[in-house]
Each structure stands twice: as structure tokens, then as C-alpha cells.
Protein backbone atom coordinates (compact mmCIF):
# COMPACT_ATOMS: atom_id res chain seq x y z
CA UNK A 1 78.45 116.75 113.80
CA UNK A 2 81.90 118.33 113.98
CA UNK A 3 83.14 121.34 112.07
CA UNK A 4 85.25 119.32 109.60
CA UNK A 5 82.31 117.16 108.63
CA UNK A 6 79.96 120.12 108.24
CA UNK A 7 81.48 121.10 104.86
CA UNK A 8 81.67 117.85 102.92
CA UNK A 9 80.94 119.43 99.56
CA UNK A 10 83.91 121.78 99.67
CA UNK A 11 86.24 119.12 100.97
CA UNK A 12 85.16 116.66 98.31
CA UNK A 13 85.51 119.25 95.60
CA UNK A 14 89.11 119.98 96.60
CA UNK A 15 90.04 116.33 97.10
CA UNK A 16 88.33 115.13 93.92
CA UNK A 17 88.12 117.92 91.36
CA UNK A 18 86.10 116.55 88.49
CA UNK A 19 84.97 113.21 87.18
CA UNK A 20 85.09 113.75 83.43
CA UNK A 21 85.27 110.69 81.21
CA UNK A 22 88.87 111.49 80.32
CA UNK A 23 89.95 111.85 83.93
CA UNK A 24 88.23 108.61 84.92
CA UNK A 25 89.85 106.76 82.00
CA UNK A 26 93.33 108.02 82.92
CA UNK A 27 92.95 107.04 86.55
CA UNK A 28 91.49 103.65 85.63
CA UNK A 29 94.48 102.99 83.38
CA UNK A 30 96.85 103.98 86.18
CA UNK A 31 95.08 101.62 88.58
CA UNK A 32 95.42 98.74 86.11
CA UNK A 33 99.12 99.49 85.59
CA UNK A 34 99.66 99.73 89.35
CA UNK A 35 97.91 96.40 89.90
CA UNK A 36 100.30 94.79 87.40
CA UNK A 37 103.27 96.47 89.08
CA UNK A 38 102.11 95.10 92.43
CA UNK A 39 102.42 91.56 91.02
CA UNK A 40 106.07 91.88 89.96
CA UNK A 41 107.34 89.22 92.44
CA UNK A 42 104.99 86.64 90.91
CA UNK A 43 106.19 87.57 87.43
CA UNK A 44 109.83 87.15 88.43
CA UNK A 45 109.08 83.91 90.25
CA UNK A 46 107.22 82.43 87.29
CA UNK A 47 103.93 82.02 89.18
CA UNK A 48 102.29 83.30 92.39
CA UNK A 49 103.84 82.00 95.59
CA UNK A 50 102.59 78.95 97.46
CA UNK A 51 102.41 78.36 101.20
CA UNK A 52 101.62 74.97 102.80
CA UNK A 53 98.14 76.26 103.67
CA UNK A 54 97.47 77.25 100.05
CA UNK A 55 96.66 73.65 99.20
CA UNK A 56 93.96 73.58 101.88
CA UNK A 57 92.37 76.75 100.53
CA UNK A 58 92.30 75.39 96.97
CA UNK A 59 91.04 71.95 97.92
CA UNK A 60 88.38 73.23 100.33
CA UNK A 61 86.82 75.50 97.71
CA UNK A 62 87.04 72.86 94.99
CA UNK A 63 85.37 70.22 97.15
CA UNK A 64 82.62 72.69 98.09
CA UNK A 65 81.98 73.48 94.42
CA UNK A 66 81.82 69.77 93.56
CA UNK A 67 79.29 69.16 96.30
CA UNK A 68 77.16 72.10 95.17
CA UNK A 69 77.29 71.59 91.40
CA UNK A 70 78.26 67.97 90.90
CA UNK A 71 81.31 65.90 89.95
CA UNK A 72 81.67 67.49 86.51
CA UNK A 73 83.19 70.48 88.32
CA UNK A 74 85.86 68.32 89.95
CA UNK A 75 89.53 69.19 89.50
CA UNK A 76 92.72 67.29 90.26
CA UNK A 77 93.05 69.33 93.46
CA UNK A 78 89.78 67.99 94.82
CA UNK A 79 90.06 64.44 93.53
CA UNK A 80 93.71 63.51 93.82
CA UNK A 81 94.55 61.45 96.90
CA UNK A 82 97.27 63.82 98.09
CA UNK A 83 97.80 65.60 101.35
CA UNK A 84 94.67 64.22 103.01
CA UNK A 85 94.37 64.55 106.77
CA UNK A 86 92.31 61.41 107.06
CA UNK A 87 92.52 58.33 104.83
CA UNK A 88 90.76 59.13 101.55
CA UNK A 89 87.35 57.69 100.97
CA UNK A 90 87.11 54.74 98.67
CA UNK A 91 86.22 55.67 95.10
CA UNK A 92 84.03 53.79 92.63
CA UNK A 93 85.82 51.95 89.85
CA UNK A 94 87.20 54.30 87.22
CA UNK A 95 87.15 57.38 89.48
CA UNK A 96 90.01 59.06 91.31
CA UNK A 97 90.20 58.67 95.04
CA UNK A 98 88.90 61.62 96.99
CA UNK A 99 91.31 63.66 99.12
CA UNK A 100 88.64 64.70 101.60
CA UNK A 101 86.60 63.05 104.31
CA UNK A 102 82.83 63.47 104.17
CA UNK A 103 82.48 62.65 107.86
CA UNK A 104 85.00 65.23 109.12
CA UNK A 105 85.43 68.70 107.67
CA UNK A 106 88.29 70.61 109.28
CA UNK A 107 87.54 74.32 109.65
CA UNK A 108 89.93 77.18 110.25
CA UNK A 109 90.56 78.17 106.62
CA UNK A 110 88.18 80.64 105.00
CA UNK A 111 86.08 79.11 102.25
CA UNK A 112 85.65 82.65 100.90
CA UNK A 113 89.35 83.22 100.41
CA UNK A 114 89.53 79.67 99.11
CA UNK A 115 87.03 80.66 96.42
CA UNK A 116 89.36 83.46 95.29
CA UNK A 117 92.32 81.06 95.08
CA UNK A 118 90.21 78.43 93.33
CA UNK A 119 89.12 81.03 90.79
CA UNK A 120 92.77 81.65 89.97
CA UNK A 121 93.44 77.93 89.72
CA UNK A 122 90.49 77.32 87.40
CA UNK A 123 91.45 80.20 85.08
CA UNK A 124 95.04 79.01 84.72
CA UNK A 125 98.07 79.09 86.99
CA UNK A 126 96.59 81.19 89.84
CA UNK A 127 97.45 84.42 88.02
CA UNK A 128 93.96 85.86 88.36
CA UNK A 129 94.14 85.55 92.17
CA UNK A 130 97.35 87.59 92.31
CA UNK A 131 95.98 90.16 89.86
CA UNK A 132 92.79 90.65 91.91
CA UNK A 133 94.85 91.11 95.07
CA UNK A 134 97.09 93.63 93.32
CA UNK A 135 94.02 95.39 91.92
CA UNK A 136 92.49 95.70 95.41
CA UNK A 137 95.65 97.39 96.73
CA UNK A 138 95.98 99.62 93.65
CA UNK A 139 92.35 100.77 93.96
CA UNK A 140 92.78 101.33 97.69
CA UNK A 141 95.80 103.55 97.07
CA UNK A 142 93.94 105.49 94.36
CA UNK A 143 90.99 106.25 96.63
CA UNK A 144 93.18 107.26 99.57
CA UNK A 145 95.47 109.40 97.42
CA UNK A 146 92.49 111.31 96.05
CA UNK A 147 90.99 111.66 99.53
CA UNK A 148 94.29 113.12 100.75
CA UNK A 149 93.88 115.95 98.23
CA UNK A 150 96.43 114.52 95.77
CA UNK A 151 94.32 114.31 92.66
CA UNK A 152 97.07 114.50 90.03
CA UNK A 153 98.07 111.34 88.16
CA UNK A 154 101.68 111.99 89.11
CA UNK A 155 100.89 111.92 92.83
CA UNK A 156 99.09 108.59 92.49
CA UNK A 157 101.90 107.14 90.38
CA UNK A 158 104.47 108.23 92.97
CA UNK A 159 102.63 106.75 95.95
CA UNK A 160 101.86 103.53 94.07
CA UNK A 161 105.50 103.23 92.99
CA UNK A 162 106.69 103.60 96.59
CA UNK A 163 104.36 100.84 97.76
CA UNK A 164 105.18 98.60 94.78
CA UNK A 165 108.96 99.00 94.90
CA UNK A 166 109.77 99.82 98.51
CA UNK A 167 107.28 97.91 100.66
CA UNK A 168 106.04 94.38 101.31
CA UNK A 169 102.69 94.73 99.50
CA UNK A 170 103.83 93.21 96.15
CA UNK A 171 105.15 90.07 97.83
CA UNK A 172 101.92 89.46 99.71
CA UNK A 173 99.75 90.38 96.72
CA UNK A 174 101.68 87.62 94.92
CA UNK A 175 101.21 85.08 97.74
CA UNK A 176 98.29 82.64 97.59
CA UNK A 177 97.32 83.39 101.18
CA UNK A 178 94.92 85.95 102.69
CA UNK A 179 97.79 87.99 104.18
CA UNK A 180 97.55 91.00 101.85
CA UNK A 181 93.96 91.57 102.96
CA UNK A 182 95.02 92.23 106.57
CA UNK A 183 96.94 95.35 105.56
CA UNK A 184 94.21 96.34 103.11
CA UNK A 185 91.63 96.19 105.91
CA UNK A 186 93.75 98.44 108.14
CA UNK A 187 94.20 101.05 105.40
CA UNK A 188 90.55 100.88 104.36
CA UNK A 189 89.12 101.33 107.86
CA UNK A 190 91.63 104.05 108.71
CA UNK A 191 90.65 105.86 105.51
CA UNK A 192 86.93 105.59 106.24
CA UNK A 193 87.46 107.17 109.66
CA UNK A 194 89.90 109.87 108.54
CA UNK A 195 88.47 110.91 105.16
CA UNK A 196 84.73 110.48 105.68
CA UNK A 197 83.87 113.96 104.40
CA UNK A 198 86.14 113.59 101.34
CA UNK A 199 84.88 110.27 100.01
CA UNK A 200 82.18 109.78 97.40
CA UNK A 201 79.66 106.96 97.74
CA UNK A 202 81.54 104.60 95.34
CA UNK A 203 84.72 105.17 97.35
CA UNK A 204 82.97 104.32 100.61
CA UNK A 205 81.45 101.20 99.05
CA UNK A 206 84.82 100.05 97.69
CA UNK A 207 86.68 100.55 100.98
CA UNK A 208 83.91 98.93 103.01
CA UNK A 209 83.86 95.96 100.61
CA UNK A 210 87.62 95.49 100.93
CA UNK A 211 87.34 95.52 104.72
CA UNK A 212 84.39 93.09 104.70
CA UNK A 213 86.13 90.59 102.44
CA UNK A 214 89.29 90.85 104.53
CA UNK A 215 87.30 90.07 107.67
CA UNK A 216 85.86 86.99 105.97
CA UNK A 217 89.23 85.93 104.56
CA UNK A 218 91.10 85.30 107.83
CA UNK A 219 90.13 85.06 111.49
CA UNK A 220 92.95 87.37 112.63
CA UNK A 221 91.44 90.36 110.78
CA UNK A 222 88.15 90.93 112.69
CA UNK A 223 89.90 91.58 116.05
CA UNK A 224 92.13 94.17 114.34
CA UNK A 225 89.11 95.84 112.77
CA UNK A 226 87.42 95.80 116.18
CA UNK A 227 90.43 97.55 117.68
CA UNK A 228 90.37 100.22 114.96
CA UNK A 229 86.63 100.67 115.50
CA UNK A 230 87.25 101.39 119.19
CA UNK A 231 90.27 103.60 118.49
CA UNK A 232 88.52 105.63 115.79
CA UNK A 233 85.51 106.29 118.00
CA UNK A 234 87.60 107.14 121.10
CA UNK A 235 89.80 109.53 119.13
CA UNK A 236 86.70 111.29 117.86
CA UNK A 237 85.41 111.66 121.41
CA UNK A 238 88.75 113.00 122.63
CA UNK A 239 89.08 115.39 119.66
CA UNK A 240 85.38 116.06 119.14
CA UNK A 241 85.76 119.43 117.46
CA UNK A 242 88.82 118.57 115.35
CA UNK A 243 88.44 115.01 114.11
CA UNK A 244 86.20 114.06 111.18
CA UNK A 245 82.86 112.43 111.90
CA UNK A 246 83.40 108.73 112.75
CA UNK A 247 80.06 107.32 111.68
CA UNK A 248 81.06 106.08 108.23
CA UNK A 249 84.07 104.34 109.76
CA UNK A 250 81.95 102.90 112.55
CA UNK A 251 79.34 101.64 110.10
CA UNK A 252 81.90 100.03 107.78
CA UNK A 253 83.68 98.39 110.72
CA UNK A 254 80.44 96.96 112.09
CA UNK A 255 79.51 95.75 108.60
CA UNK A 256 82.87 93.99 108.25
CA UNK A 257 82.52 92.32 111.64
CA UNK A 258 78.97 91.26 110.82
CA UNK A 259 80.17 89.83 107.49
CA UNK A 260 82.78 87.74 109.32
CA UNK A 261 80.20 86.36 111.76
CA UNK A 262 77.59 85.72 109.07
CA UNK A 263 80.14 84.12 106.77
CA UNK A 264 81.34 81.72 109.45
CA UNK A 265 77.76 80.84 110.39
CA UNK A 266 76.81 80.21 106.75
CA UNK A 267 79.80 77.92 106.25
CA UNK A 268 79.03 75.98 109.42
CA UNK A 269 75.40 75.59 108.38
CA UNK A 270 76.35 74.41 104.90
CA UNK A 271 78.76 71.82 106.30
CA UNK A 272 76.16 70.64 108.81
CA UNK A 273 73.61 70.09 106.04
CA UNK A 274 75.99 68.29 103.69
CA UNK A 275 78.17 66.34 106.15
CA UNK A 276 75.67 65.94 108.99
CA UNK A 277 77.86 67.77 111.53
CA UNK A 278 79.45 71.22 111.77
CA UNK A 279 83.13 71.61 110.86
CA UNK A 280 85.82 70.65 113.36
CA UNK A 281 87.66 73.75 114.51
CA UNK A 282 91.36 73.23 115.27
CA UNK A 283 92.08 74.15 118.92
CA UNK A 284 94.19 77.22 118.20
CA UNK A 285 93.60 78.75 121.65
CA UNK A 286 94.53 75.57 123.49
CA UNK A 287 97.67 75.21 121.38
CA UNK A 288 98.70 78.79 122.12
CA UNK A 289 98.19 78.37 125.89
CA UNK A 290 100.08 75.07 125.93
CA UNK A 291 102.99 76.71 124.11
CA UNK A 292 102.84 79.63 126.57
CA UNK A 293 103.38 77.19 129.43
CA UNK A 294 100.20 78.10 131.27
CA UNK A 295 98.11 75.52 129.46
CA UNK A 296 100.63 72.74 130.10
CA UNK A 297 100.83 73.81 133.75
CA UNK A 298 97.04 73.69 134.06
CA UNK A 299 96.98 70.16 132.67
CA UNK A 300 99.59 69.09 135.22
CA UNK A 301 98.00 70.80 138.22
CA UNK A 302 94.25 70.90 137.64
CA UNK A 303 93.20 68.04 135.41
CA UNK A 304 92.13 65.66 138.14
CA UNK A 305 88.37 65.49 137.83
CA UNK A 306 88.28 68.07 134.99
CA UNK A 307 86.32 67.21 131.85
CA UNK A 308 88.83 68.70 129.40
CA UNK A 309 89.86 66.30 126.65
CA UNK A 310 93.31 67.92 126.42
CA UNK A 311 94.04 66.35 129.81
CA UNK A 312 94.24 62.96 128.08
CA UNK A 313 97.41 64.12 126.34
CA UNK A 314 99.29 65.33 129.41
CA UNK A 315 102.24 63.03 128.71
CA UNK A 316 102.89 64.79 125.36
CA UNK A 317 103.06 68.31 126.77
CA UNK A 318 104.55 70.84 126.48
CA UNK A 319 104.53 71.32 122.71
CA UNK A 320 104.82 74.38 120.52
CA UNK A 321 101.77 75.54 118.57
CA UNK A 322 102.65 73.91 115.25
CA UNK A 323 103.48 70.54 116.77
CA UNK A 324 100.40 70.55 119.01
CA UNK A 325 98.16 71.18 116.01
CA UNK A 326 99.91 69.59 113.06
CA UNK A 327 102.38 67.04 114.43
CA UNK A 328 101.47 63.80 112.67
CA UNK A 329 102.48 61.19 115.26
CA UNK A 330 101.50 60.67 118.91
CA UNK A 331 105.08 61.46 119.82
CA UNK A 332 105.09 65.01 118.42
CA UNK A 333 101.44 66.02 118.04
CA UNK A 334 98.02 66.12 119.69
CA UNK A 335 95.29 67.31 117.33
CA UNK A 336 96.01 65.37 114.14
CA UNK A 337 96.86 62.01 115.78
CA UNK A 338 93.75 62.18 117.99
CA UNK A 339 90.60 60.26 117.13
CA UNK A 340 87.85 62.10 115.20
CA UNK A 341 85.77 62.41 118.37
CA UNK A 342 88.74 63.78 120.31
CA UNK A 343 89.55 66.29 117.56
CA UNK A 344 86.01 67.64 117.63
CA UNK A 345 86.03 67.81 121.44
CA UNK A 346 89.40 69.62 121.49
CA UNK A 347 87.98 72.29 119.19
CA UNK A 348 84.70 72.61 121.08
CA UNK A 349 86.35 72.98 124.49
CA UNK A 350 89.10 75.47 123.64
CA UNK A 351 87.25 78.59 124.80
CA UNK A 352 86.29 76.99 128.14
CA UNK A 353 89.84 75.72 128.56
CA UNK A 354 91.29 79.17 127.81
CA UNK A 355 89.02 80.81 130.40
CA UNK A 356 89.97 78.19 132.99
CA UNK A 357 93.69 78.75 132.36
CA UNK A 358 93.37 82.54 132.58
CA UNK A 359 91.42 82.27 135.84
CA UNK A 360 94.04 79.93 137.29
CA UNK A 361 97.11 81.94 136.26
CA UNK A 362 96.05 85.50 135.37
CA UNK A 363 99.37 87.23 136.03
CA UNK A 364 101.50 84.56 134.36
CA UNK A 365 99.27 84.54 131.29
CA UNK A 366 99.19 88.34 131.11
CA UNK A 367 102.99 88.47 131.27
CA UNK A 368 103.56 85.87 128.58
CA UNK A 369 100.86 87.35 126.32
CA UNK A 370 102.43 90.81 126.60
CA UNK A 371 105.81 89.32 125.77
CA UNK A 372 104.40 87.48 122.76
CA UNK A 373 102.62 90.61 121.52
CA UNK A 374 105.79 92.69 121.82
CA UNK A 375 107.91 90.07 120.06
CA UNK A 376 105.41 89.62 117.23
CA UNK A 377 105.13 93.38 116.70
CA UNK A 378 108.87 93.72 116.02
CA UNK A 379 109.40 90.39 114.26
CA UNK A 380 109.25 90.29 110.47
CA UNK A 381 110.59 87.86 107.89
CA UNK A 382 110.10 86.85 104.26
CA UNK A 383 111.46 83.30 104.40
CA UNK A 384 108.25 81.89 102.87
CA UNK A 385 109.25 83.42 99.54
CA UNK A 386 112.23 81.07 99.16
CA UNK A 387 111.16 77.44 99.28
CA UNK A 388 113.46 75.63 101.69
CA UNK A 389 113.91 71.85 101.29
CA UNK A 390 111.29 70.97 103.90
CA UNK A 391 108.77 73.31 102.28
CA UNK A 392 109.53 71.96 98.81
CA UNK A 393 108.98 68.41 100.04
CA UNK A 394 105.75 69.29 101.85
CA UNK A 395 104.20 71.12 98.93
CA UNK A 396 105.42 68.57 96.36
CA UNK A 397 103.63 65.83 98.26
CA UNK A 398 100.33 67.71 98.08
CA UNK A 399 100.16 68.91 94.47
CA UNK A 400 98.65 67.26 91.41
CA UNK A 401 101.18 66.52 88.63
CA UNK A 402 100.60 69.50 86.31
CA UNK A 403 100.72 72.23 88.99
CA UNK A 404 103.69 70.42 90.53
CA UNK A 405 105.67 70.74 87.30
CA UNK A 406 105.04 74.50 87.20
CA UNK A 407 105.90 74.78 90.90
CA UNK A 408 109.27 73.09 90.38
CA UNK A 409 110.15 75.53 87.59
CA UNK A 410 109.87 78.66 89.78
CA UNK A 411 112.67 80.85 91.05
CA UNK A 412 111.53 80.28 94.65
CA UNK A 413 111.90 76.53 94.18
CA UNK A 414 115.55 77.14 93.22
CA UNK A 415 115.94 79.54 96.20
CA UNK A 416 117.00 82.14 93.64
CA UNK A 417 115.11 85.18 94.94
CA UNK A 418 117.03 87.87 96.92
CA UNK A 419 114.83 87.46 99.98
CA UNK A 420 117.42 88.94 102.36
CA UNK A 421 117.74 92.10 100.27
CA UNK A 422 113.98 92.45 100.00
CA UNK A 423 113.58 92.04 103.76
CA UNK A 424 116.25 94.68 104.47
CA UNK A 425 114.55 97.10 102.08
CA UNK A 426 111.12 96.47 103.59
CA UNK A 427 112.42 96.99 107.13
CA UNK A 428 114.36 100.14 106.21
CA UNK A 429 111.38 101.70 104.41
CA UNK A 430 109.02 100.89 107.30
CA UNK A 431 111.40 102.42 109.86
CA UNK A 432 111.88 105.48 107.66
CA UNK A 433 108.10 105.84 107.40
CA UNK A 434 107.73 105.71 111.18
CA UNK A 435 110.48 108.32 111.56
CA UNK A 436 108.85 110.55 108.94
CA UNK A 437 105.46 110.36 110.63
CA UNK A 438 107.01 111.11 114.02
CA UNK A 439 108.74 114.17 112.53
CA UNK A 440 105.58 115.33 110.75
CA UNK A 441 103.60 115.09 113.98
CA UNK A 442 105.89 117.70 115.57
CA UNK A 443 105.63 120.23 112.73
CA UNK A 444 102.68 122.53 112.11
CA UNK A 445 101.22 122.20 108.64
CA UNK A 446 102.22 124.97 106.23
CA UNK A 447 99.52 127.56 105.62
CA UNK A 448 97.15 126.36 102.92
CA UNK A 449 98.48 122.79 102.73
CA UNK A 450 95.80 120.18 102.10
CA UNK A 451 96.99 117.98 104.95
CA UNK A 452 96.54 120.56 107.66
CA UNK A 453 92.95 121.56 107.08
CA UNK A 454 90.98 119.14 109.23
CA UNK A 455 93.47 116.77 110.84
CA UNK A 456 92.52 113.95 108.45
CA UNK A 457 96.07 112.96 107.48
CA UNK A 458 97.42 112.75 111.06
CA UNK A 459 94.32 110.75 111.99
CA UNK A 460 94.82 108.36 109.07
CA UNK A 461 98.49 107.89 109.93
CA UNK A 462 97.73 107.36 113.61
CA UNK A 463 95.08 104.73 112.89
CA UNK A 464 97.40 103.02 110.39
CA UNK A 465 100.10 102.73 113.05
CA UNK A 466 97.56 101.48 115.60
CA UNK A 467 96.34 98.90 113.09
CA UNK A 468 99.86 97.59 112.51
CA UNK A 469 100.42 97.40 116.27
CA UNK A 470 97.05 95.72 116.72
CA UNK A 471 97.96 93.11 114.13
CA UNK A 472 101.06 92.27 116.16
CA UNK A 473 99.08 92.02 119.38
CA UNK A 474 96.35 89.81 117.89
CA UNK A 475 98.75 87.45 116.15
CA UNK A 476 101.18 87.35 119.07
CA UNK A 477 98.52 86.58 121.66
CA UNK A 478 96.37 84.17 119.65
CA UNK A 479 98.78 82.41 117.30
CA UNK A 480 102.36 81.25 117.02
CA UNK A 481 105.10 83.86 116.63
CA UNK A 482 105.75 84.16 112.90
CA UNK A 483 107.52 86.99 111.12
CA UNK A 484 105.22 86.72 108.11
CA UNK A 485 102.27 87.89 110.20
CA UNK A 486 103.77 91.33 110.79
CA UNK A 487 105.53 91.65 107.45
CA UNK A 488 102.13 91.33 105.73
CA UNK A 489 100.92 94.71 107.08
CA UNK A 490 104.09 96.84 107.18
CA UNK A 491 103.36 98.30 103.74
CA UNK A 492 100.59 100.39 105.33
CA UNK A 493 103.24 102.53 107.08
CA UNK A 494 105.00 103.94 103.98
CA UNK A 495 101.59 104.45 102.38
CA UNK A 496 100.45 106.58 105.32
CA UNK A 497 103.75 108.48 105.51
CA UNK A 498 103.75 109.26 101.78
CA UNK A 499 100.18 110.58 101.84
CA UNK A 500 100.87 112.76 104.86
CA UNK A 501 104.15 114.10 103.47
CA UNK A 502 102.83 114.90 100.01
CA UNK A 503 99.62 116.47 101.32
CA UNK A 504 101.62 118.95 103.41
CA UNK A 505 103.71 119.98 100.41
CA UNK A 506 100.74 120.57 98.11
CA UNK A 507 98.89 123.89 98.60
CA UNK A 508 95.14 123.62 98.95
CA UNK A 509 93.07 125.00 96.13
């Protein structure tokens, strides 16, 4: 046990001075107000924001609930014959056609995040989903602000206002996609490593729960948590007598990773028992390698005698990731136009195919993966928050009538939101945060400042930066390059910079 962790009682007392009923009530009210402030884009838009994948999350959860509890729990999202991948199953007389296929369940979208979106849909207009996402971020900020030694309501209000008005968090809290949880996981795990001796048991439980749900909400989050787990432990080894004890952070990270594995296994088992076969996993890895050029080259040069099903589609390659996966005709797609048996085989073989490609072209794949990681790390955009004509048409074709009417009344549908201004602000604030943290790292902490006592704030900031970089690497290497993927986590940088800056300016005690 290191020196910083040997005095948890004193550290907690300074970081969290008192839990009277009045103090708890004030902070709870501030958290509620902050959660509402973090939903301001949805309020201006007229409803939370949709993405093409949102429909899949809603429908998947609704269909699962119908199968578990019966047709009386059906909604228009689960029954309407809209946006189906396969032809809808025939319905008995007097019933709506089903928009799902009992014989083929496509995986890849978290049923657990789908449950959160479905909850918002069933309680009216998806507002509850956005509010819960805003509440998670507001609570996260409250815990971290207290752990940084900034226990005054004014300090929390200031940090929350910066994140709500100057960063990307409100946009992604208002988006019906699991994106906001990626940044929340980074901040939560970084806080558990940096502030272990300053957190009370409810704080640890809340941060660990946020990280666990995030890991279950999207497949890109567990690799980032794994990277932070390794980084947090290595930094403790390198700074053994200065860094806080890592064991709470290690435990929460392992718990989150285990939740992701167990959640995926439970979903696969449930599908197998109800549909007779496990879900079909889209071949994301194969699509990425084909788009990189190495996968298409392997098909050209090594497919003779190879058992890979992707070799049957050699005449369609190369294709970018989106067309390989979601192109709807044999001319511009592979996965969707394939037969059900071929779709399942493409998903099952993707890991073996990826290993074969890497063995065949290790240097070429390393070079293109490094390039993709670098590009993704510096690429951000917010174009999803203005519905372009193609997006309007795609979503309109997949929505039941009543939600469609609300969708068409939004500001995003009219392309009326100042997306360019918001992007410029987000980018400027993130760059300023990086500059501030770089400057702070070169300055010794003032005598008596809360941030200089045990190295917790520099550690938190360093892990936050590593988490943002890790998000870019994971998404760049494993998925298509998309500015939304990096924009979703940039709000962690001003949060870390604000905590570090304010903690150095506040005297301890």
C-alpha cells in the first residue's frame, strides 16, 4: 500500500466534509438541475436526436419484451412492417405484420442500451432516456468534483456549467445512441484509479455501475476500459510511492469487462433458446480489413482453396465498411444481400479471416491501422445533429406514424441547429483543455493546494487523455472512420482540466 492510500480517512474528510441532510439535499438538487441542463440540445430540438441505428435499438428491445411477456406489450415499433432487414413474417388476420425475422436475429446492437431507449419510448417521446443519460453525467461530475477536494456547491455548478455549455456532452446525452456512455466510462475508470482514497462506498458503486453499463452498451467501450486498466496499473508500478492505490480501479475495470462478456453471453443464450440459433454477428472485422485494402488483397491472392465465405464475393471488392455491411444490392454490398447461411458464416469466420490477413500482410496492416488510428483521433464532427436529406429519408422510412410526425417537427429535421458553431466551440474548448493540462503539468502545485497533495489530479487528467486517445485507436482500427466516434468523448478533457485547475487554486483544509 502506498503512502497516499495509507491515510484514506483524512483525505476523505477533506474531499467530502460532511454529509448532513441539508448538504445532501442541496447537492442532489444541483445534480438534478445539471442533468436538465445537460439535455438542452434535446429541448431546443423538440425531442432527443435520432440516428439510423436508433431504430434498431428500439425495435430490438421491444421485440425482446414481446417475446418475454407476450403480445400485449407490443408497440408500433415492434409490429410495424418498416425497416426490416428480411421480409417480414406473415401475420394472422387482424394483426400487424412483424418487422422482425424469428429465424435470423442480427446482433451487434446492445439489447441493454436498447432497453434504455425503449424505456424512453414507452414513457413518451424518449425524454426519459435523455434525462437518464444527463443524470449519469451530472452524477459523475458531482462525485469527481467532490473527490478533487471541491466540495462547495459553487465549484460543482461551475464545472457542470463548463461541461454543459462548452463541451460535447449535452449533444451526446441528447442522442438516442450509446455514445455518451463511452466518455462516462473513461471518466469513471480514471476517477476510480486516481481518487480511490477519497471516494466513499456509494461513490465507488456509482462509478463502477456507470462503467459496467457503458461496457454493456457498446462493443467499442470494453477495449478502452481494458487499455485504462493496463495504463492505471502500469502507472502505479512506475510511480509506486506517489500514485494512489490502483486496486479499486482494477476491480471496477475487471467488473465492467466481466459485465460485457456476461451480458453478451446472456443475450446469445436467450436468442438461441427463443430462435433456435444464436444471433448473427455482422462481420465488422472483415469489413474493416476489406476497406483497409489488406482484406481485398487477401481475397485476390489467397482465396484459392481457402474456406472463407468472403471469397465468394471477390468480384464486389473493394468496398468501404458501410457498403460492405449495409449496401442493399449485390452491386454495392456483401453482408445484407447475402443468403442467411452466408450472413451467419461471414460473422462466424471474421476472427479467423482477420488473423489470416494479419499473418499474410503484417507490415501493411500495421501501417494502415496506425494511419486509421491517427486519423480517427483527430477527426471530430457533429453532422448527425442536423438531419440531411438522405438521413431524413432513411429514418422516415423506418418510423411508425406517430413518432414520425414528432420527428418531422424537430429543428434538426429543418437543419436549423447551428451545428458548425457548436463544433467550433467543442473543438476550441477541447484544445484549450489540452493546453491547460500541458501547462499545469509543468508547474509545481502551490503549497497547501488540494491538487498537489498526492498526485491524484495529474493522474486523473493523464488517464482521461489516454482514454480519449484509446477511443480513437479502438474506433479507428476496428470500425469505419467517423467523426462522431471521437466527438463523443472529447467532453472528458475540459472536465479533467477544470478539476485540475480549480483544485490547485483552492487551499487544502
